[in-house]
Amino acid sequence: MNRQKLAGVITMTLLLPLWSSPVEAVYHADSDTGIEALDYIENEHRRERANRLTAEQEKLLADAKAMEKNLRYPLDPKKAAPVAFEGEELTYDERDGSFIAKGKVDILQMDAHRFQGEEVTGNTKTQDVSIPDKAHILQMTPGQVRVTLDGYKAHYNYGAKTGSLENAKGKAGAHYITGKRFEFYPDKIVVYNGTESKCGAQKPDYHLSAEKITYYPNDKIVMEKVKFHLRGKVIFKRDHYETEVGGNADKTNYLPRVGYNEDDGAYLEWDLSFPMRKKVNFNTNFYVSTAKGWHSHYDITWQNRGMATGVRYGQYEDGDNEWIKKEPSAFWNYNDHIGRSHFTYGLSAEYGRWYGNGIHSNHGEYGVSLGYDPIKFHRYTLYLKTGYSITKESYDDSKVSGVSGDIVLTKDFNDRWAAYAGYHYSKKNQNNSLFKYNTDDYSKKLEVGFSYRLDELNRLAVGTKYDLDHNIWKNIDYYWYHDLHCSQVIVRYKSRDNAWNIRWQFTPW
């Protein structure tokens, strides 16, 4: 047999499929001082920390860039990126295209893919690569989700862009994943008997498991026979679970939250969503407290692009602990951009039976809004919105109509400091409204606050609200956010009311 030792670089193609990031939940504050304006900044910082490059990822990018500089011929954009092999022993049979690489084999593709193993076999004619024992896979290709996987029995055909990997675990984006078998296709990845979580513990505090998980890049994730695990226990199951990925990802936190405040005492809150049919979900907010008992609400919602409509029932609470019961209430909302411009508009309507403070009323509220996409400049972000609403009540035949306006400016100084200031106006207030829910007792207010991150685990924040109608401070609230391994404790002190609120929640963001 005529064999030839290879001392140089074998140029060939080896391409992994795209990966997509699984479901992502977004952090949000519990406040009526406008401090939620900082949530967007905090979410960005969390994503940056979760996706911070590891040492091996940085090395992969540097090696791919160096490989590009050393190309001896122009790169054909219609072909897959070239690949370089390194190993202690490389053997190639030029007659049939087969090769064997042994001893700390490193396969580098110029578009930032890397395969590593102790022994690699393959064929340049059939375009196959196999790693029969343990394999380590990295993907840092621009425009694709970062992938780090360790598994066994890796096989990949770089011509058909198909392959498989057995008993693998690692990360896709910021999500920790495992699977008995991974199958790679040009348009999707299928994982059998897999799990995913954003908790990086050896035994995650929470995770999802499924008999089959299908990742459609930049589109959606479909899971079959799904179990939701919390602290080693299955908290509920679904036959089918589907969610969008990327910028349109479902932001529902499916994990329960517990806490304490002086109005409700100790409480448990849990948001869940159950699909009824395509684009129709039954959503629940379970809320039970020691002081007030069962205060939950539910809705059936149909959503399609920018429109949502449905029916709500149950008790709702605003950020100032004001409650209302809807018995029930129908709603319709539509939001979209005006053409291809940065201007946005919204239409909304709600009508139903409301109950609060011993009063029943047929409540109708209708509104239109006009806004503009967030304007970013020099780490500042400006939010602009105005609107007009009409509120009618059958109880006293009252009608409140008028304009509203919101101007909010945030500043992301660095990873530690952030601040916000906002001016808000609403013709509707508690003085001219039947119900106090979701309204202030004045029309003009100023909200100002800031946050400071002490370290990776602790953040302090202050949120304030100032009544411009009467020139008095309404709220000065202090927050302490403490990250545990995969959960967070949030302590809030309302200094004007001398009231405490503490909340503990898992953090799957």
Protein backbone atom coordinates (compact mmCIF):
# COMPACT_ATOMS: atom_id res chain seq x y z
CA MET A 1 0.00 0.00 0.00
CA ASN A 2 1.36 3.38 -1.00
CA ARG A 3 1.09 5.72 2.01
CA GLN A 4 2.43 9.25 2.31
CA LYS A 5 3.33 11.04 5.55
CA LEU A 6 1.85 14.52 5.76
CA ALA A 7 4.03 17.19 7.33
CA GLY A 8 2.09 20.17 6.09
CA VAL A 9 -1.54 21.30 6.03
CA ILE A 10 -4.39 19.37 4.48
CA THR A 11 -6.92 21.79 2.99
CA MET A 12 -10.46 20.51 3.02
CA THR A 13 -13.94 21.53 4.20
CA LEU A 14 -15.55 20.78 7.53
CA LEU A 15 -18.62 22.72 8.57
CA LEU A 16 -20.88 22.45 11.61
CA PRO A 17 -24.52 23.49 11.34
CA LEU A 18 -25.85 26.65 12.87
CA TRP A 19 -26.88 26.65 16.50
CA SER A 20 -29.59 28.75 18.04
CA SER A 21 -29.93 29.98 21.58
CA PRO A 22 -32.74 28.34 23.60
CA VAL A 23 -35.46 30.15 25.46
CA GLU A 24 -34.37 33.23 27.26
CA ALA A 25 -36.05 34.86 30.24
CA VAL A 26 -35.58 38.49 31.02
CA TYR A 27 -34.97 40.00 34.45
CA HIS A 28 -37.38 42.70 35.63
CA ALA A 29 -37.77 44.79 38.78
CA ASP A 30 -40.82 45.03 41.02
CA SER A 31 -41.30 48.77 41.36
CA ASP A 32 -43.44 51.85 40.85
CA THR A 33 -40.53 54.31 40.71
CA GLY A 34 -39.52 53.72 37.08
CA ILE A 35 -36.44 51.73 38.07
CA GLU A 36 -37.48 49.12 35.53
CA ALA A 37 -35.84 51.49 33.00
CA LEU A 38 -32.54 50.04 34.25
CA ASP A 39 -33.69 46.49 33.55
CA TYR A 40 -32.73 46.82 29.89
CA ILE A 41 -29.22 47.84 30.87
CA GLU A 42 -28.94 45.10 33.49
CA ASN A 43 -30.14 42.51 30.98
CA GLU A 44 -27.48 43.62 28.50
CA HIS A 45 -24.80 43.34 31.17
CA ARG A 46 -26.02 39.88 32.13
CA ARG A 47 -25.94 38.72 28.53
CA GLU A 48 -22.43 40.13 28.12
CA ARG A 49 -21.18 38.33 31.23
CA ALA A 50 -22.93 35.09 30.27
CA ASN A 51 -21.42 35.20 26.78
CA ARG A 52 -17.95 36.45 27.77
CA LEU A 53 -15.27 34.64 25.78
CA THR A 54 -13.34 31.86 27.43
CA ALA A 55 -9.60 31.47 26.91
CA GLU A 56 -10.07 28.65 24.37
CA GLN A 57 -12.67 30.66 22.45
CA GLU A 58 -10.30 33.61 22.20
CA LYS A 59 -7.54 31.27 21.02
CA LEU A 60 -9.81 29.78 18.35
CA LEU A 61 -10.58 33.23 16.94
CA ALA A 62 -6.88 34.15 16.94
CA ASP A 63 -5.89 30.88 15.24
CA ALA A 64 -8.59 31.27 12.56
CA LYS A 65 -7.43 34.83 11.84
CA ALA A 66 -3.80 33.71 11.59
CA MET A 67 -4.80 30.92 9.22
CA GLU A 68 -6.57 33.41 6.96
CA LYS A 69 -3.42 35.57 6.76
CA ASN A 70 -1.33 32.57 5.66
CA LEU A 71 -3.56 31.46 2.76
CA ARG A 72 -1.58 30.96 -0.44
CA TYR A 73 -4.55 31.31 -2.77
CA PRO A 74 -7.75 33.42 -2.93
CA LEU A 75 -10.65 32.02 -0.90
CA ASP A 76 -13.64 30.83 -2.93
CA PRO A 77 -16.75 32.20 -1.12
CA LYS A 78 -18.88 29.47 -2.72
CA LYS A 79 -16.92 26.76 -0.94
CA ALA A 80 -16.65 25.95 2.73
CA ALA A 81 -13.74 27.42 4.65
CA PRO A 82 -10.37 25.56 4.51
CA VAL A 83 -9.28 23.28 7.35
CA ALA A 84 -5.84 22.63 8.85
CA PHE A 85 -4.90 19.36 10.59
CA GLU A 86 -2.31 19.03 13.34
CA GLY A 87 -1.32 15.87 15.18
CA GLU A 88 1.59 13.80 16.41
CA GLU A 89 1.11 11.39 13.50
CA LEU A 90 -0.73 12.16 10.26
CA THR A 91 -1.17 9.52 7.55
CA TYR A 92 -2.85 9.98 4.17
CA ASP A 93 -3.62 7.50 1.37
CA GLU A 94 -3.71 9.50 -1.84
CA ARG A 95 -5.30 6.63 -3.80
CA ASP A 96 -8.65 6.52 -1.95
CA GLY A 97 -8.47 9.79 0.03
CA SER A 98 -8.50 8.16 3.48
CA PHE A 99 -6.48 9.61 6.35
CA ILE A 100 -5.68 8.90 9.98
CA ALA A 101 -4.52 11.46 12.54
CA LYS A 102 -3.32 10.40 16.00
CA GLY A 103 -2.13 12.02 19.20
CA LYS A 104 -3.69 15.30 20.33
CA VAL A 105 -5.30 15.97 16.97
CA ASP A 106 -6.48 19.51 16.32
CA ILE A 107 -8.68 20.28 13.31
CA LEU A 108 -9.06 24.01 12.68
CA GLN A 109 -11.48 25.47 10.16
CA MET A 110 -10.88 29.02 9.06
CA ASP A 111 -14.46 30.14 9.80
CA ALA A 112 -13.73 29.45 13.51
CA HIS A 113 -14.62 25.78 14.01
CA ARG A 114 -12.41 23.37 15.92
CA PHE A 115 -12.45 19.57 16.38
CA GLN A 116 -10.12 17.91 18.88
CA GLY A 117 -9.53 14.27 19.75
CA GLU A 118 -6.87 11.63 20.29
CA GLU A 119 -7.61 9.85 17.00
CA VAL A 120 -9.39 11.11 13.88
CA THR A 121 -10.18 9.16 10.74
CA GLY A 122 -11.79 10.35 7.55
CA ASN A 123 -11.80 10.57 3.80
CA THR A 124 -11.23 13.64 1.66
CA LYS A 125 -13.15 12.14 -1.28
CA THR A 126 -16.27 11.14 0.61
CA GLN A 127 -15.82 14.23 2.80
CA ASP A 128 -16.19 12.31 6.08
CA VAL A 129 -14.54 12.95 9.43
CA SER A 130 -14.90 10.61 12.43
CA ILE A 131 -13.62 10.76 16.00
CA PRO A 132 -14.43 7.32 17.47
CA ASP A 133 -13.52 8.17 21.07
CA LYS A 134 -13.86 11.44 22.98
CA ALA A 135 -14.35 14.58 20.87
CA HIS A 136 -14.20 18.27 21.75
CA ILE A 137 -16.03 20.70 19.44
CA LEU A 138 -15.89 24.50 19.33
CA GLN A 139 -17.82 26.89 17.10
CA MET A 140 -17.22 30.65 17.02
CA THR A 141 -18.34 31.38 13.47
CA PRO A 142 -19.60 34.97 13.07
CA GLY A 143 -23.39 35.12 12.92
CA GLN A 144 -23.78 31.73 14.60
CA VAL A 145 -24.34 30.86 18.24
CA ARG A 146 -21.19 29.87 20.11
CA VAL A 147 -20.95 26.13 20.74
CA THR A 148 -18.69 24.18 23.08
CA LEU A 149 -19.39 20.44 23.22
CA ASP A 150 -17.68 17.34 24.64
CA GLY A 151 -18.97 14.00 23.45
CA TYR A 152 -18.17 10.64 21.89
CA LYS A 153 -18.37 8.94 18.50
CA ALA A 154 -18.39 12.15 16.47
CA HIS A 155 -19.04 11.84 12.77
CA TYR A 156 -19.47 14.62 10.27
CA ASN A 157 -19.86 14.82 6.52
CA TYR A 158 -18.73 18.29 5.51
CA GLY A 159 -20.15 17.92 2.02
CA ALA A 160 -23.73 17.12 3.07
CA LYS A 161 -23.34 19.14 6.31
CA THR A 162 -24.74 16.29 8.36
CA GLY A 163 -23.37 14.48 11.36
CA SER A 164 -23.87 13.08 14.82
CA LEU A 165 -22.39 13.09 18.31
CA GLU A 166 -23.11 10.71 21.19
CA ASN A 167 -23.41 11.38 24.95
CA ALA A 168 -22.49 15.05 24.66
CA LYS A 169 -22.64 18.02 27.00
CA GLY A 170 -21.51 21.64 26.89
CA LYS A 171 -22.86 25.08 26.02
CA ALA A 172 -24.83 26.64 23.18
CA GLY A 173 -24.75 30.38 23.63
CA ALA A 174 -25.28 30.94 27.36
CA HIS A 175 -27.22 27.68 27.79
CA TYR A 176 -25.85 24.47 29.28
CA ILE A 177 -26.98 21.44 27.28
CA THR A 178 -26.70 17.65 27.37
CA GLY A 179 -27.96 14.91 25.08
CA LYS A 180 -27.69 11.18 24.49
CA ARG A 181 -27.43 11.85 20.77
CA PHE A 182 -27.01 14.98 18.66
CA GLU A 183 -27.88 14.91 14.96
CA PHE A 184 -26.72 17.76 12.72
CA TYR A 185 -28.55 18.81 9.55
CA PRO A 186 -28.16 21.84 7.26
CA ASP A 187 -31.31 23.50 8.64
CA LYS A 188 -31.61 22.13 12.17
CA ILE A 189 -30.08 20.21 15.06
CA VAL A 190 -31.95 17.39 16.79
CA VAL A 191 -31.08 16.29 20.33
CA TYR A 192 -32.48 13.06 21.76
CA ASN A 193 -32.98 12.59 25.50
CA GLY A 194 -31.55 16.03 26.13
CA THR A 195 -31.58 18.76 28.76
CA GLU A 196 -31.02 22.52 28.70
CA SER A 197 -30.55 25.09 31.44
CA LYS A 198 -28.90 28.44 32.12
CA CYS A 199 -27.77 27.19 35.53
CA GLY A 200 -24.15 26.10 35.31
CA ALA A 201 -24.04 23.90 38.42
CA GLN A 202 -22.90 20.28 38.18
CA LYS A 203 -26.47 19.43 39.23
CA PRO A 204 -28.49 22.44 37.98
CA ASP A 205 -31.08 23.97 40.31
CA TYR A 206 -33.47 23.97 37.35
CA HIS A 207 -33.53 22.57 33.84
CA LEU A 208 -35.79 21.29 31.08
CA SER A 209 -35.55 17.75 29.75
CA ALA A 210 -37.16 16.30 26.65
CA GLU A 211 -37.19 13.10 24.66
CA LYS A 212 -36.55 15.16 21.54
CA ILE A 213 -35.34 18.75 21.12
CA THR A 214 -35.20 20.32 17.66
CA TYR A 215 -33.29 23.58 17.17
CA TYR A 216 -34.25 25.59 14.10
CA PRO A 217 -31.59 28.32 13.72
CA ASN A 218 -32.88 31.87 14.24
CA ASP A 219 -36.44 30.57 14.33
CA LYS A 220 -37.68 28.31 17.12
CA ILE A 221 -37.09 25.36 19.43
CA VAL A 222 -39.54 22.46 19.50
CA MET A 223 -39.52 20.02 22.42
CA GLU A 224 -41.42 16.75 22.73
CA LYS A 225 -42.32 14.99 25.99
CA VAL A 226 -40.97 17.81 28.14
CA LYS A 227 -40.34 17.85 31.88
CA PHE A 228 -39.63 20.98 33.90
CA HIS A 229 -37.26 20.24 36.78
CA LEU A 230 -36.70 22.29 39.93
CA ARG A 231 -34.29 21.24 42.67
CA GLY A 232 -34.29 17.69 41.34
CA LYS A 233 -38.08 17.44 41.25
CA VAL A 234 -40.36 17.44 38.21
CA ILE A 235 -42.70 20.40 38.73
CA PHE A 236 -44.82 19.85 35.62
CA LYS A 237 -44.84 18.15 32.22
CA ARG A 238 -45.90 18.87 28.66
CA ASP A 239 -46.24 16.70 25.61
CA HIS A 240 -45.17 19.58 23.36
CA TYR A 241 -43.35 22.82 24.10
CA GLU A 242 -42.39 25.35 21.45
CA THR A 243 -40.72 28.74 21.70
CA GLU A 244 -39.11 31.29 19.45
CA VAL A 245 -35.41 32.06 19.70
CA GLY A 246 -33.18 35.10 19.26
CA GLY A 247 -34.73 38.55 19.54
CA ASN A 248 -38.26 37.08 19.55
CA ALA A 249 -37.58 34.57 22.31
CA ASP A 250 -40.29 33.82 24.82
CA LYS A 251 -39.43 35.85 27.93
CA THR A 252 -41.72 34.06 30.37
CA ASN A 253 -40.07 32.87 33.57
CA TYR A 254 -41.62 29.45 34.15
CA LEU A 255 -40.08 29.12 37.63
CA PRO A 256 -41.90 30.05 40.86
CA ARG A 257 -40.94 33.04 43.02
CA VAL A 258 -41.37 33.43 46.77
CA GLY A 259 -41.19 36.54 48.90
CA TYR A 260 -42.51 38.70 51.69
CA ASN A 261 -44.01 42.18 51.89
CA GLU A 262 -45.88 43.96 54.65
CA ASP A 263 -49.16 44.12 52.70
CA ASP A 264 -49.42 40.46 51.71
CA GLY A 265 -47.13 38.69 54.17
CA ALA A 266 -45.29 35.67 52.79
CA TYR A 267 -46.29 34.81 49.22
CA LEU A 268 -45.73 32.41 46.36
CA GLU A 269 -46.06 33.56 42.74
CA TRP A 270 -45.84 31.40 39.64
CA ASP A 271 -46.45 32.28 35.97
CA LEU A 272 -47.26 29.42 33.61
CA SER A 273 -48.46 29.22 30.02
CA PHE A 274 -50.25 26.27 28.42
CA PRO A 275 -50.79 26.06 24.65
CA MET A 276 -54.37 25.28 23.67
CA ARG A 277 -53.93 25.40 19.91
CA LYS A 278 -51.76 27.25 17.44
CA LYS A 279 -51.21 30.86 18.63
CA VAL A 280 -53.66 30.39 21.53
CA ASN A 281 -52.35 30.05 25.10
CA PHE A 282 -53.93 29.69 28.50
CA ASN A 283 -51.78 31.83 30.81
CA THR A 284 -51.89 31.71 34.57
CA ASN A 285 -50.44 33.78 37.40
CA PHE A 286 -50.75 31.84 40.64
CA TYR A 287 -50.41 34.15 43.62
CA VAL A 288 -51.12 33.03 47.16
CA SER A 289 -50.16 34.91 50.35
CA THR A 290 -50.55 34.42 54.09
CA ALA A 291 -52.38 37.75 54.55
CA LYS A 292 -54.75 37.76 51.57
CA GLY A 293 -54.98 34.14 50.51
CA TRP A 294 -55.54 33.30 46.85
CA HIS A 295 -55.01 36.31 44.52
CA SER A 296 -54.41 34.76 41.11
CA HIS A 297 -55.38 35.70 37.57
CA TYR A 298 -55.74 33.93 34.24
CA ASP A 299 -56.20 34.71 30.58
CA ILE A 300 -56.78 33.03 27.27
CA THR A 301 -54.83 34.92 24.61
CA TRP A 302 -54.56 34.63 20.86
CA GLN A 303 -51.43 36.25 19.42
CA ASN A 304 -50.39 36.83 15.84
CA ARG A 305 -47.48 39.13 15.02
CA GLY A 306 -48.27 42.49 16.62
CA MET A 307 -51.83 41.67 17.66
CA ALA A 308 -53.12 40.05 20.85
CA THR A 309 -56.68 39.52 21.98
CA GLY A 310 -58.41 37.47 24.63
CA VAL A 311 -60.19 37.35 27.97
CA ARG A 312 -58.77 37.98 31.45
CA TYR A 313 -60.14 36.93 34.83
CA GLY A 314 -58.86 37.28 38.36
CA GLN A 315 -57.02 39.69 40.63
CA TYR A 316 -54.29 41.99 39.37
CA GLU A 317 -51.79 44.07 41.38
CA ASP A 318 -49.76 47.12 40.31
CA GLY A 319 -46.34 48.22 41.58
CA ASP A 320 -47.92 50.21 44.42
CA ASN A 321 -49.82 47.21 45.88
CA GLU A 322 -53.18 48.40 44.48
CA TRP A 323 -55.47 45.48 43.53
CA ILE A 324 -58.33 45.07 41.06
CA LYS A 325 -60.44 42.05 40.17
CA LYS A 326 -61.56 41.48 36.58
CA GLU A 327 -64.75 39.38 36.39
CA PRO A 328 -63.89 38.99 33.45
CA SER A 329 -62.47 41.54 31.00
CA ALA A 330 -61.95 41.28 27.23
CA PHE A 331 -58.95 42.98 25.62
CA TRP A 332 -57.43 43.72 22.22
CA ASN A 333 -54.00 45.22 21.46
CA TYR A 334 -52.09 45.94 18.29
CA ASN A 335 -48.57 47.38 17.97
CA ASP A 336 -46.42 47.91 14.89
CA HIS A 337 -44.07 50.26 13.12
CA ILE A 338 -45.35 52.90 10.74
CA GLY A 339 -44.13 51.56 7.43
CA ARG A 340 -40.37 51.12 7.51
CA SER A 341 -39.80 54.10 9.76
CA HIS A 342 -38.62 54.16 13.39
CA PHE A 343 -42.02 55.42 14.50
CA THR A 344 -44.29 52.97 16.29
CA TYR A 345 -47.99 53.03 17.05
CA GLY A 346 -50.31 51.11 19.29
CA LEU A 347 -54.05 50.54 19.55
CA SER A 348 -55.68 49.08 22.64
CA ALA A 349 -59.12 48.33 24.03
CA GLU A 350 -60.39 46.61 27.15
CA TYR A 351 -63.93 46.15 28.38
CA GLY A 352 -65.23 44.12 31.28
CA ARG A 353 -66.53 43.89 34.80
CA TRP A 354 -64.12 45.36 37.36
CA TYR A 355 -64.30 45.11 41.14
CA GLY A 356 -62.27 47.03 43.73
CA ASN A 357 -62.76 48.81 47.06
CA GLY A 358 -66.31 47.44 47.31
CA ILE A 359 -67.32 48.81 43.90
CA HIS A 360 -68.49 46.90 40.79
CA SER A 361 -68.38 48.68 37.45
CA ASN A 362 -68.44 47.91 33.74
CA HIS A 363 -65.04 49.32 32.87
CA GLY A 364 -64.08 50.36 29.34
CA GLU A 365 -60.69 51.74 28.36
CA TYR A 366 -59.56 52.59 24.83
CA GLY A 367 -56.31 54.13 23.70
CA VAL A 368 -53.94 54.99 20.90
CA SER A 369 -50.20 55.63 21.25
CA LEU A 370 -47.34 56.93 19.15
CA GLY A 371 -43.70 56.26 19.92
CA TYR A 372 -40.23 56.07 18.48
CA ASP A 373 -37.62 53.33 18.59
CA PRO A 374 -35.05 53.80 21.39
CA ILE A 375 -32.51 56.43 20.38
CA LYS A 376 -28.95 55.49 21.39
CA PHE A 377 -26.02 57.93 21.57
CA HIS A 378 -22.82 57.95 23.63
CA ARG A 379 -24.12 55.20 25.99
CA TYR A 380 -27.34 57.17 26.50
CA THR A 381 -30.73 55.78 25.44
CA LEU A 382 -33.77 58.00 24.94
CA TYR A 383 -37.33 56.63 24.99
CA LEU A 384 -40.24 58.71 23.67
CA LYS A 385 -43.96 57.93 23.71
CA THR A 386 -47.26 59.79 23.73
CA GLY A 387 -50.87 58.70 23.64
CA TYR A 388 -54.55 59.43 24.10
CA SER A 389 -57.00 57.33 26.12
CA ILE A 390 -60.67 57.24 27.11
CA THR A 391 -61.90 55.50 30.25
CA LYS A 392 -65.60 54.93 30.99
CA GLU A 393 -67.31 53.52 34.08
CA SER A 394 -70.92 52.34 34.40
CA TYR A 395 -70.92 52.74 38.20
CA ASP A 396 -71.04 56.55 38.13
CA ASP A 397 -71.31 57.18 34.37
CA SER A 398 -67.88 58.84 34.53
CA LYS A 399 -65.64 59.45 31.57
CA VAL A 400 -61.97 60.43 31.66
CA SER A 401 -60.21 61.29 28.43
CA GLY A 402 -56.92 62.96 27.71
CA VAL A 403 -53.35 62.72 26.57
CA SER A 404 -50.32 61.08 28.15
CA GLY A 405 -46.62 61.43 27.52
CA ASP A 406 -43.41 59.70 28.56
CA ILE A 407 -39.80 60.81 28.16
CA VAL A 408 -37.15 58.56 29.70
CA LEU A 409 -33.37 58.88 29.44
CA THR A 410 -31.00 56.16 30.64
CA LYS A 411 -27.22 56.24 30.90
CA ASP A 412 -25.04 53.13 30.90
CA PHE A 413 -21.80 54.52 32.31
CA ASN A 414 -20.00 51.19 32.56
CA ASP A 415 -20.51 47.67 33.90
CA ARG A 416 -20.95 49.09 37.41
CA TRP A 417 -22.89 52.36 37.10
CA ALA A 418 -26.23 53.06 35.40
CA ALA A 419 -28.84 55.80 35.88
CA TYR A 420 -32.20 56.98 34.57
CA ALA A 421 -34.48 60.02 34.60
CA GLY A 422 -38.04 60.18 33.32
CA TYR A 423 -40.87 62.66 32.99
CA HIS A 424 -44.43 61.33 32.77
CA TYR A 425 -47.78 63.00 32.25
CA SER A 426 -51.26 61.48 32.28
CA LYS A 427 -54.59 63.24 32.35
CA LYS A 428 -55.96 60.16 34.09
CA ASN A 429 -55.22 59.97 37.83
CA GLN A 430 -56.76 58.72 41.07
CA ASN A 431 -58.62 62.00 41.59
CA ASN A 432 -60.70 61.60 38.42
CA SER A 433 -60.76 57.78 38.22
CA LEU A 434 -63.04 55.30 39.91
CA PHE A 435 -60.29 52.77 40.57
CA LYS A 436 -56.79 53.35 41.95
CA TYR A 437 -55.29 50.40 40.10
CA ASN A 438 -52.41 51.39 37.79
CA THR A 439 -52.88 55.14 38.38
CA ASP A 440 -51.16 57.82 40.47
CA ASP A 441 -52.91 60.44 42.57
CA TYR A 442 -51.42 63.19 40.40
CA SER A 443 -50.82 63.83 36.70
CA LYS A 444 -47.20 64.97 36.42
CA LYS A 445 -44.30 63.06 37.90
CA LEU A 446 -40.53 62.84 37.74
CA GLU A 447 -38.70 59.55 38.24
CA VAL A 448 -34.95 59.40 38.90
CA GLY A 449 -32.67 56.59 40.02
CA PHE A 450 -29.37 54.79 39.66
CA SER A 451 -27.74 51.43 40.32
CA TYR A 452 -24.21 50.43 41.30
CA ARG A 453 -22.75 46.95 41.00
CA LEU A 454 -20.47 46.22 43.94
CA ASP A 455 -19.16 42.96 42.46
CA GLU A 456 -20.33 39.99 40.41
CA LEU A 457 -22.84 39.03 43.12
CA ASN A 458 -24.16 42.28 44.58
CA ARG A 459 -25.86 45.36 43.15
CA LEU A 460 -27.39 48.36 44.92
CA ALA A 461 -30.05 50.66 43.45
CA VAL A 462 -32.17 53.66 44.35
CA GLY A 463 -35.49 54.54 42.70
CA THR A 464 -37.45 57.73 43.36
CA LYS A 465 -40.77 59.26 42.32
CA TYR A 466 -41.59 62.96 42.66
CA ASP A 467 -45.07 64.49 42.46
CA LEU A 468 -44.70 67.61 40.29
CA ASP A 469 -48.34 68.63 40.88
CA HIS A 470 -47.77 69.10 44.62
CA ASN A 471 -43.94 69.26 44.72
CA ILE A 472 -43.43 66.39 47.14
CA TRP A 473 -41.49 63.12 47.10
CA LYS A 474 -43.84 60.15 46.81
CA ASN A 475 -41.33 57.31 46.86
CA ILE A 476 -37.66 56.84 47.72
CA ASP A 477 -36.94 53.12 47.43
CA TYR A 478 -33.69 51.27 48.09
CA TYR A 479 -32.77 47.92 46.55
CA TRP A 480 -30.19 45.25 47.17
CA TYR A 481 -29.81 42.49 44.56
CA HIS A 482 -27.77 39.49 45.66
CA ASP A 483 -26.99 36.69 43.22
CA LEU A 484 -26.74 33.18 44.55
CA HIS A 485 -25.49 30.37 42.36
CA CYS A 486 -28.56 30.12 40.11
CA SER A 487 -31.01 32.33 41.93
CA GLN A 488 -31.29 35.87 43.25
CA VAL A 489 -32.51 37.59 46.40
CA ILE A 490 -34.01 41.08 45.95
CA VAL A 491 -34.54 43.26 49.03
CA ARG A 492 -36.57 46.47 48.65
CA TYR A 493 -37.08 49.14 51.30
CA LYS A 494 -39.75 51.80 50.72
CA SER A 495 -38.46 54.57 52.96
CA ARG A 496 -41.53 56.83 52.67
CA ASP A 497 -43.75 54.00 53.89
CA ASN A 498 -41.15 52.31 56.11
CA ALA A 499 -42.03 49.03 54.40
CA TRP A 500 -39.88 46.04 53.44
CA ASN A 501 -40.21 43.62 50.56
CA ILE A 502 -38.00 40.60 49.95
CA ARG A 503 -38.18 38.28 46.95
CA TRP A 504 -36.29 35.11 46.05
CA GLN A 505 -36.37 33.83 42.50
CA PHE A 506 -34.45 31.60 40.16
CA THR A 507 -32.55 33.43 37.42
CA PRO A 508 -32.88 31.69 34.04
CA TRP A 509 -31.74 34.69 31.98
